[in-house]
Amino acid sequence: MIEIIPSLSILNGKAVRLSQGDYDNKIVYQEQPLEIAERFADHGVRSLHLIDLDGARLGSVINYAVLEMITQHTNLQVDFGGGINNDGDIAKAFEYGAKSVTVGSAAMTDRDLFSGWLMTYGRNKLTLSADSDKGKIVVRGRQRGTDTDLMDFIKFFYDKSLLYLKCADNERDGMLQGPNFVLYRTILDTFPGINLLASGGVSGMDDIKALEDLGVYGVIVGKAFYEGNITLKDLETHFAKV
């Protein structure tokens, strides 16, 4: 059964949602991040994708305190990302309770560094974030474009035993217009055995079922939940089947 992983993005200490990665096009939620995380846990959610948007934009982790608060006060397995760029950053993320870490910009900047982390921490603890816009990798919280081809980027690390891959189509993210099914089918066909985490565009449970039928390992859900298209009851029903 496909894993549903709610996303919680932190900017200036608040839970927010961006559209298409645009920091100027955001919604700020009044609930504290811990309160949101606790509600997820109370309804059977097992994993949380926690994004440090401040860190992603600045290139240095800012919100360790939020990570620690959530891991200490809930039983959620937190995947943490945003601003991790060196050995100290990743070690500290695990120290503050992250179960796994998602890395994008650092993998783009220094491929050998991320490859080394796969060896040091194990491929079960590292997720490659390969977010793209029109087939090209975007980094720094999707604020910077590159000329790097998405599929070439994935292949480099796939050949080095990558297991977990998060991929978002920037044009779909936060738009509730459905995931890029064609892209995900291509990735799964090209990289057998990869555990693909689809992110961006999910509009409801029907999209999640379609991703499951496609063979996607997991789906990261953000705006669809916060806008009420997917409810806590939907999540509870899903996890009751596991």
C-alpha atoms as a PDB file:
ATOM      1  CA  MET A   1       0.000   0.000   0.000  1.00  0.00           C
ATOM      2  CA  ILE A   2       1.269   3.461  -0.890  1.00  0.00           C
ATOM      3  CA  GLU A   3       2.669   5.511   1.985  1.00  0.00           C
ATOM      4  CA  ILE A   4       0.958   8.869   2.500  1.00  0.00           C
ATOM      5  CA  ILE A   5       3.343  11.385   4.048  1.00  0.00           C
ATOM      6  CA  PRO A   6       1.973  14.797   5.030  1.00  0.00           C
ATOM      7  CA  SER A   7       4.245  17.739   4.405  1.00  0.00           C
ATOM      8  CA  LEU A   8       4.856  20.513   6.918  1.00  0.00           C
ATOM      9  CA  SER A   9       6.793  23.539   5.666  1.00  0.00           C
ATOM     10  CA  ILE A  10       8.318  26.007   8.122  1.00  0.00           C
ATOM     11  CA  LEU A  11       9.091  29.651   7.336  1.00  0.00           C
ATOM     12  CA  ASN A  12       9.844  32.207  10.043  1.00  0.00           C
ATOM     13  CA  GLY A  13       8.698  29.687  12.632  1.00  0.00           C
ATOM     14  CA  LYS A  14       5.241  29.340  11.044  1.00  0.00           C
ATOM     15  CA  ALA A  15       3.604  26.563   9.055  1.00  0.00           C
ATOM     16  CA  VAL A  16       3.139  27.765   5.492  1.00  0.00           C
ATOM     17  CA  ARG A  17       2.274  26.543   2.007  1.00  0.00           C
ATOM     18  CA  LEU A  18       3.900  27.823  -1.157  1.00  0.00           C
ATOM     19  CA  SER A  19       2.568  27.603  -4.706  1.00  0.00           C
ATOM     20  CA  GLN A  20       5.107  26.522  -7.331  1.00  0.00           C
ATOM     21  CA  GLY A  21       7.893  27.113  -4.818  1.00  0.00           C
ATOM     22  CA  ASP A  22       7.242  30.857  -4.776  1.00  0.00           C
ATOM     23  CA  TYR A  23       8.119  32.401  -1.405  1.00  0.00           C
ATOM     24  CA  ASP A  24       6.056  35.459  -2.300  1.00  0.00           C
ATOM     25  CA  ASN A  25       2.982  33.327  -2.998  1.00  0.00           C
ATOM     26  CA  LYS A  26       2.367  31.728   0.355  1.00  0.00           C
ATOM     27  CA  ILE A  27      -0.368  30.983   2.874  1.00  0.00           C
ATOM     28  CA  VAL A  28       0.534  31.210   6.563  1.00  0.00           C
ATOM     29  CA  TYR A  29      -1.377  28.927   8.931  1.00  0.00           C
ATOM     30  CA  GLN A  30      -2.198  30.015  12.460  1.00  0.00           C
ATOM     31  CA  GLU A  31      -1.695  26.653  14.148  1.00  0.00           C
ATOM     32  CA  GLN A  32       1.731  26.002  15.606  1.00  0.00           C
ATOM     33  CA  PRO A  33       3.822  23.368  13.754  1.00  0.00           C
ATOM     34  CA  LEU A  34       3.742  21.045  16.760  1.00  0.00           C
ATOM     35  CA  GLU A  35      -0.058  21.246  16.963  1.00  0.00           C
ATOM     36  CA  ILE A  36      -0.356  20.248  13.311  1.00  0.00           C
ATOM     37  CA  ALA A  37       2.096  17.388  13.779  1.00  0.00           C
ATOM     38  CA  GLU A  38       0.206  16.139  16.836  1.00  0.00           C
ATOM     39  CA  ARG A  39      -3.059  16.080  14.885  1.00  0.00           C
ATOM     40  CA  PHE A  40      -1.419  13.976  12.196  1.00  0.00           C
ATOM     41  CA  ALA A  41      -0.096  11.539  14.793  1.00  0.00           C
ATOM     42  CA  ASP A  42      -3.480  11.331  16.529  1.00  0.00           C
ATOM     43  CA  HIS A  43      -5.065  10.168  13.253  1.00  0.00           C
ATOM     44  CA  GLY A  44      -2.670   7.349  12.500  1.00  0.00           C
ATOM     45  CA  VAL A  45      -0.089   9.137  10.390  1.00  0.00           C
ATOM     46  CA  ARG A  46       3.320   7.505  10.800  1.00  0.00           C
ATOM     47  CA  SER A  47       5.698   9.758   8.846  1.00  0.00           C
ATOM     48  CA  LEU A  48       6.079  13.498   8.342  1.00  0.00           C
ATOM     49  CA  HIS A  49       8.030  15.401   5.695  1.00  0.00           C
ATOM     50  CA  LEU A  50       9.343  18.488   7.515  1.00  0.00           C
ATOM     51  CA  ILE A  51      10.773  21.233   5.300  1.00  0.00           C
ATOM     52  CA  ASP A  52      12.927  24.074   6.604  1.00  0.00           C
ATOM     53  CA  LEU A  53      12.085  26.722   3.986  1.00  0.00           C
ATOM     54  CA  ASP A  54      14.304  29.278   5.710  1.00  0.00           C
ATOM     55  CA  GLY A  55      17.180  26.843   5.467  1.00  0.00           C
ATOM     56  CA  ALA A  56      16.429  25.915   1.868  1.00  0.00           C
ATOM     57  CA  ARG A  57      16.490  29.553   0.824  1.00  0.00           C
ATOM     58  CA  LEU A  58      19.601  30.518   2.819  1.00  0.00           C
ATOM     59  CA  GLY A  59      21.570  27.328   2.287  1.00  0.00           C
ATOM     60  CA  SER A  60      21.937  26.695   6.013  1.00  0.00           C
ATOM     61  CA  VAL A  61      19.561  24.892   8.397  1.00  0.00           C
ATOM     62  CA  ILE A  62      17.541  27.263  10.590  1.00  0.00           C
ATOM     63  CA  ASN A  63      14.703  25.279  12.161  1.00  0.00           C
ATOM     64  CA  TYR A  64      16.399  22.549  14.170  1.00  0.00           C
ATOM     65  CA  ALA A  65      14.267  23.572  17.154  1.00  0.00           C
ATOM     66  CA  VAL A  66      11.035  22.718  15.313  1.00  0.00           C
ATOM     67  CA  LEU A  67      12.485  19.344  14.304  1.00  0.00           C
ATOM     68  CA  GLU A  68      13.458  18.587  17.891  1.00  0.00           C
ATOM     69  CA  MET A  69      10.091  19.681  19.272  1.00  0.00           C
ATOM     70  CA  ILE A  70       8.159  17.405  16.917  1.00  0.00           C
ATOM     71  CA  THR A  71      10.395  14.377  17.389  1.00  0.00           C
ATOM     72  CA  GLN A  72      10.332  14.744  21.174  1.00  0.00           C
ATOM     73  CA  HIS A  73       6.570  15.217  21.521  1.00  0.00           C
ATOM     74  CA  THR A  74       5.187  12.838  18.875  1.00  0.00           C
ATOM     75  CA  ASN A  75       5.986   9.354  17.621  1.00  0.00           C
ATOM     76  CA  LEU A  76       6.157  10.544  14.021  1.00  0.00           C
ATOM     77  CA  GLN A  77       9.091   9.417  11.925  1.00  0.00           C
ATOM     78  CA  VAL A  78      10.315  12.719  10.567  1.00  0.00           C
ATOM     79  CA  ASP A  79      12.041  13.115   7.243  1.00  0.00           C
ATOM     80  CA  PHE A  80      13.831  16.462   7.402  1.00  0.00           C
ATOM     81  CA  GLY A  81      15.052  18.654   4.562  1.00  0.00           C
ATOM     82  CA  GLY A  82      16.065  22.204   3.761  1.00  0.00           C
ATOM     83  CA  GLY A  83      19.514  23.767   4.038  1.00  0.00           C
ATOM     84  CA  ILE A  84      21.552  20.618   4.688  1.00  0.00           C
ATOM     85  CA  ASN A  85      24.870  21.283   2.991  1.00  0.00           C
ATOM     86  CA  ASN A  86      27.695  19.734   5.005  1.00  0.00           C
ATOM     87  CA  ASP A  87      28.624  16.920   7.378  1.00  0.00           C
ATOM     88  CA  GLY A  88      27.759  18.998  10.430  1.00  0.00           C
ATOM     89  CA  ASP A  89      24.276  19.782   9.133  1.00  0.00           C
ATOM     90  CA  ILE A  90      23.328  16.183   8.475  1.00  0.00           C
ATOM     91  CA  ALA A  91      24.813  14.904  11.728  1.00  0.00           C
ATOM     92  CA  LYS A  92      22.888  17.534  13.656  1.00  0.00           C
ATOM     93  CA  ALA A  93      19.622  16.674  11.872  1.00  0.00           C
ATOM     94  CA  PHE A  94      19.915  13.088  13.044  1.00  0.00           C
ATOM     95  CA  GLU A  95      20.959  14.270  16.505  1.00  0.00           C
ATOM     96  CA  TYR A  96      17.773  16.324  16.759  1.00  0.00           C
ATOM     97  CA  GLY A  97      15.644  13.308  15.942  1.00  0.00           C
ATOM     98  CA  ALA A  98      15.254  13.034  12.177  1.00  0.00           C
ATOM     99  CA  LYS A  99      14.583   9.478  11.059  1.00  0.00           C
ATOM    100  CA  SER A 100      15.766  10.304   7.555  1.00  0.00           C
ATOM    101  CA  VAL A 101      17.045  13.309   5.647  1.00  0.00           C
ATOM    102  CA  THR A 102      16.163  14.687   2.219  1.00  0.00           C
ATOM    103  CA  VAL A 103      18.902  16.492   0.302  1.00  0.00           C
ATOM    104  CA  GLY A 104      18.718  18.353  -2.988  1.00  0.00           C
ATOM    105  CA  SER A 105      20.957  21.407  -3.326  1.00  0.00           C
ATOM    106  CA  ALA A 106      24.008  19.807  -1.675  1.00  0.00           C
ATOM    107  CA  ALA A 107      23.710  16.785  -3.953  1.00  0.00           C
ATOM    108  CA  MET A 108      23.657  19.122  -6.925  1.00  0.00           C
ATOM    109  CA  THR A 109      26.622  21.174  -5.694  1.00  0.00           C
ATOM    110  CA  ASP A 110      28.805  18.282  -4.532  1.00  0.00           C
ATOM    111  CA  ARG A 111      27.821  14.881  -5.865  1.00  0.00           C
ATOM    112  CA  ASP A 112      30.672  13.145  -4.077  1.00  0.00           C
ATOM    113  CA  LEU A 113      29.492  14.544  -0.739  1.00  0.00           C
ATOM    114  CA  PHE A 114      25.994  13.096  -1.110  1.00  0.00           C
ATOM    115  CA  SER A 115      27.394   9.817  -2.437  1.00  0.00           C
ATOM    116  CA  GLY A 116      29.537   9.644   0.690  1.00  0.00           C
ATOM    117  CA  TRP A 117      26.508  10.185   2.894  1.00  0.00           C
ATOM    118  CA  LEU A 118      24.804   7.232   1.197  1.00  0.00           C
ATOM    119  CA  MET A 119      27.735   5.104   2.305  1.00  0.00           C
ATOM    120  CA  THR A 120      28.092   6.608   5.780  1.00  0.00           C
ATOM    121  CA  TYR A 121      24.460   6.715   6.888  1.00  0.00           C
ATOM    122  CA  GLY A 122      22.994   4.037   4.632  1.00  0.00           C
ATOM    123  CA  ARG A 123      20.627   4.392   1.722  1.00  0.00           C
ATOM    124  CA  ASN A 124      17.606   3.847   3.981  1.00  0.00           C
ATOM    125  CA  LYS A 125      18.289   7.166   5.714  1.00  0.00           C
ATOM    126  CA  LEU A 126      18.905   9.398   2.689  1.00  0.00           C
ATOM    127  CA  THR A 127      16.405  10.671   0.127  1.00  0.00           C
ATOM    128  CA  LEU A 128      17.528  12.498  -2.990  1.00  0.00           C
ATOM    129  CA  SER A 129      15.351  15.503  -3.750  1.00  0.00           C
ATOM    130  CA  ALA A 130      15.186  15.892  -7.521  1.00  0.00           C
ATOM    131  CA  ASP A 131      12.777  18.752  -8.077  1.00  0.00           C
ATOM    132  CA  SER A 132      12.478  19.960 -11.635  1.00  0.00           C
ATOM    133  CA  ASP A 133      11.058  22.632 -13.864  1.00  0.00           C
ATOM    134  CA  LYS A 134      10.585  21.684 -17.523  1.00  0.00           C
ATOM    135  CA  GLY A 135      12.915  18.729 -17.069  1.00  0.00           C
ATOM    136  CA  LYS A 136      15.765  20.672 -15.421  1.00  0.00           C
ATOM    137  CA  ILE A 137      16.808  20.457 -11.779  1.00  0.00           C
ATOM    138  CA  VAL A 138      15.921  23.393  -9.515  1.00  0.00           C
ATOM    139  CA  VAL A 139      17.617  23.993  -6.151  1.00  0.00           C
ATOM    140  CA  ARG A 140      17.618  26.253  -3.069  1.00  0.00           C
ATOM    141  CA  GLY A 141      13.936  25.733  -2.307  1.00  0.00           C
ATOM    142  CA  ARG A 142      13.293  25.843  -6.090  1.00  0.00           C
ATOM    143  CA  GLN A 143      14.537  29.418  -6.212  1.00  0.00           C
ATOM    144  CA  ARG A 144      17.419  28.669  -8.568  1.00  0.00           C
ATOM    145  CA  GLY A 145      17.290  26.920 -11.906  1.00  0.00           C
ATOM    146  CA  THR A 146      20.091  24.809 -13.402  1.00  0.00           C
ATOM    147  CA  ASP A 147      20.949  23.294 -16.770  1.00  0.00           C
ATOM    148  CA  THR A 148      21.150  19.807 -15.270  1.00  0.00           C
ATOM    149  CA  ASP A 149      18.847  17.247 -16.833  1.00  0.00           C
ATOM    150  CA  LEU A 150      16.546  15.579 -14.301  1.00  0.00           C
ATOM    151  CA  MET A 151      17.040  12.031 -15.556  1.00  0.00           C
ATOM    152  CA  ASP A 152      20.837  12.389 -15.766  1.00  0.00           C
ATOM    153  CA  PHE A 153      20.883  13.705 -12.199  1.00  0.00           C
ATOM    154  CA  ILE A 154      18.874  10.754 -10.909  1.00  0.00           C
ATOM    155  CA  LYS A 155      20.973   8.212 -12.847  1.00  0.00           C
ATOM    156  CA  PHE A 156      24.220   9.414 -11.291  1.00  0.00           C
ATOM    157  CA  PHE A 157      23.012   8.520  -7.795  1.00  0.00           C
ATOM    158  CA  TYR A 158      20.964   5.508  -8.871  1.00  0.00           C
ATOM    159  CA  ASP A 159      24.236   3.994 -10.061  1.00  0.00           C
ATOM    160  CA  LYS A 160      25.600   4.633  -6.560  1.00  0.00           C
ATOM    161  CA  SER A 161      22.840   2.605  -4.841  1.00  0.00           C
ATOM    162  CA  LEU A 162      20.248   5.361  -4.299  1.00  0.00           C
ATOM    163  CA  LEU A 163      17.020   3.853  -2.956  1.00  0.00           C
ATOM    164  CA  TYR A 164      14.733   6.782  -2.061  1.00  0.00           C
ATOM    165  CA  LEU A 165      13.924   9.529  -4.534  1.00  0.00           C
ATOM    166  CA  LYS A 166      11.599  12.491  -4.018  1.00  0.00           C
ATOM    167  CA  CYS A 167      10.573  14.170  -7.220  1.00  0.00           C
ATOM    168  CA  ALA A 168       8.371  17.228  -7.673  1.00  0.00           C
ATOM    169  CA  ASP A 169       7.350  18.934 -10.882  1.00  0.00           C
ATOM    170  CA  ASN A 170       7.570  22.619 -10.006  1.00  0.00           C
ATOM    171  CA  GLU A 171       4.789  23.511 -12.439  1.00  0.00           C
ATOM    172  CA  ARG A 172       2.369  21.244 -10.546  1.00  0.00           C
ATOM    173  CA  ASP A 173       3.400  21.996  -6.980  1.00  0.00           C
ATOM    174  CA  GLY A 174       0.694  23.644  -4.903  1.00  0.00           C
ATOM    175  CA  MET A 175      -1.679  23.900  -7.862  1.00  0.00           C
ATOM    176  CA  LEU A 176      -4.031  20.968  -7.028  1.00  0.00           C
ATOM    177  CA  GLN A 177      -4.127  20.039 -10.724  1.00  0.00           C
ATOM    178  CA  GLY A 178      -2.915  16.469 -10.419  1.00  0.00           C
ATOM    179  CA  PRO A 179       0.580  14.946 -10.327  1.00  0.00           C
ATOM    180  CA  ASN A 180       2.784  14.542 -13.393  1.00  0.00           C
ATOM    181  CA  PHE A 181       1.908  10.883 -13.988  1.00  0.00           C
ATOM    182  CA  VAL A 182       3.894  10.713 -17.235  1.00  0.00           C
ATOM    183  CA  LEU A 183       7.059  11.840 -15.470  1.00  0.00           C
ATOM    184  CA  TYR A 184       6.629   9.347 -12.646  1.00  0.00           C
ATOM    185  CA  ARG A 185       5.948   6.472 -15.033  1.00  0.00           C
ATOM    186  CA  THR A 186       9.127   7.351 -16.923  1.00  0.00           C
ATOM    187  CA  ILE A 187      11.186   7.393 -13.720  1.00  0.00           C
ATOM    188  CA  LEU A 188       9.843   4.036 -12.558  1.00  0.00           C
ATOM    189  CA  ASP A 189      10.461   2.445 -15.956  1.00  0.00           C
ATOM    190  CA  THR A 190      13.982   3.883 -16.185  1.00  0.00           C
ATOM    191  CA  PHE A 191      15.127   3.123 -12.632  1.00  0.00           C
ATOM    192  CA  PRO A 192      13.761  -0.272 -11.531  1.00  0.00           C
ATOM    193  CA  GLY A 193      13.621  -0.770  -7.776  1.00  0.00           C
ATOM    194  CA  ILE A 194      13.693   2.917  -6.887  1.00  0.00           C
ATOM    195  CA  ASN A 195      11.374   3.943  -4.054  1.00  0.00           C
ATOM    196  CA  LEU A 196       9.737   6.983  -5.602  1.00  0.00           C
ATOM    197  CA  LEU A 197       8.116   9.655  -3.461  1.00  0.00           C
ATOM    198  CA  ALA A 198       5.782  11.738  -5.618  1.00  0.00           C
ATOM    199  CA  SER A 199       5.358  15.354  -4.570  1.00  0.00           C
ATOM    200  CA  GLY A 200       3.304  18.174  -6.012  1.00  0.00           C
ATOM    201  CA  GLY A 201      -0.082  18.537  -7.623  1.00  0.00           C
ATOM    202  CA  VAL A 202      -2.048  15.971  -5.619  1.00  0.00           C
ATOM    203  CA  SER A 203      -5.664  17.142  -5.552  1.00  0.00           C
ATOM    204  CA  GLY A 204      -7.339  14.313  -3.638  1.00  0.00           C
ATOM    205  CA  MET A 205      -7.478  10.628  -2.764  1.00  0.00           C
ATOM    206  CA  ASP A 206      -8.189   9.662  -6.399  1.00  0.00           C
ATOM    207  CA  ASP A 207      -4.770  10.997  -7.386  1.00  0.00           C
ATOM    208  CA  ILE A 208      -3.171   8.964  -4.611  1.00  0.00           C
ATOM    209  CA  LYS A 209      -4.934   5.805  -5.816  1.00  0.00           C
ATOM    210  CA  ALA A 210      -3.691   6.479  -9.350  1.00  0.00           C
ATOM    211  CA  LEU A 211      -0.134   6.901  -8.071  1.00  0.00           C
ATOM    212  CA  GLU A 212      -0.444   3.648  -6.151  1.00  0.00           C
ATOM    213  CA  ASP A 213      -1.640   1.854  -9.293  1.00  0.00           C
ATOM    214  CA  LEU A 214       1.398   3.274 -11.094  1.00  0.00           C
ATOM    215  CA  GLY A 215       3.720   1.669  -8.565  1.00  0.00           C
ATOM    216  CA  VAL A 216       4.772   4.800  -6.679  1.00  0.00           C
ATOM    217  CA  TYR A 217       6.156   3.982  -3.227  1.00  0.00           C
ATOM    218  CA  GLY A 218       4.896   7.058  -1.408  1.00  0.00           C
ATOM    219  CA  VAL A 219       3.228  10.418  -1.887  1.00  0.00           C
ATOM    220  CA  ILE A 220       3.967  13.664  -0.075  1.00  0.00           C
ATOM    221  CA  VAL A 221       0.759  15.602   0.497  1.00  0.00           C
ATOM    222  CA  GLY A 222       0.665  19.290   1.308  1.00  0.00           C
ATOM    223  CA  LYS A 223      -1.862  21.731  -0.052  1.00  0.00           C
ATOM    224  CA  ALA A 224      -4.500  19.060  -0.729  1.00  0.00           C
ATOM    225  CA  PHE A 225      -4.674  18.465   3.010  1.00  0.00           C
ATOM    226  CA  TYR A 226      -4.434  22.058   4.145  1.00  0.00           C
ATOM    227  CA  GLU A 227      -7.178  23.105   1.709  1.00  0.00           C
ATOM    228  CA  GLY A 228      -9.476  20.271   2.856  1.00  0.00           C
ATOM    229  CA  ASN A 229      -9.362  18.108  -0.300  1.00  0.00           C
ATOM    230  CA  ILE A 230      -7.877  15.345   1.830  1.00  0.00           C
ATOM    231  CA  THR A 231      -9.142  15.135   5.402  1.00  0.00           C
ATOM    232  CA  LEU A 232      -7.838  13.700   8.631  1.00  0.00           C
ATOM    233  CA  LYS A 233     -10.578  11.094   8.311  1.00  0.00           C
ATOM    234  CA  ASP A 234      -9.222  10.123   4.884  1.00  0.00           C
ATOM    235  CA  LEU A 235      -5.778   9.673   6.398  1.00  0.00           C
ATOM    236  CA  GLU A 236      -7.151   7.695   9.325  1.00  0.00           C
ATOM    237  CA  THR A 237      -9.075   5.378   6.999  1.00  0.00           C
ATOM    238  CA  HIS A 238      -5.996   4.836   4.836  1.00  0.00           C
ATOM    239  CA  PHE A 239      -3.711   3.948   7.738  1.00  0.00           C
ATOM    240  CA  ALA A 240      -6.333   1.682   9.292  1.00  0.00           C
ATOM    241  CA  LYS A 241      -5.898  -0.590   6.265  1.00  0.00           C
ATOM    242  CA  VAL A 242      -2.167  -1.028   6.850  1.00  0.00           C
END
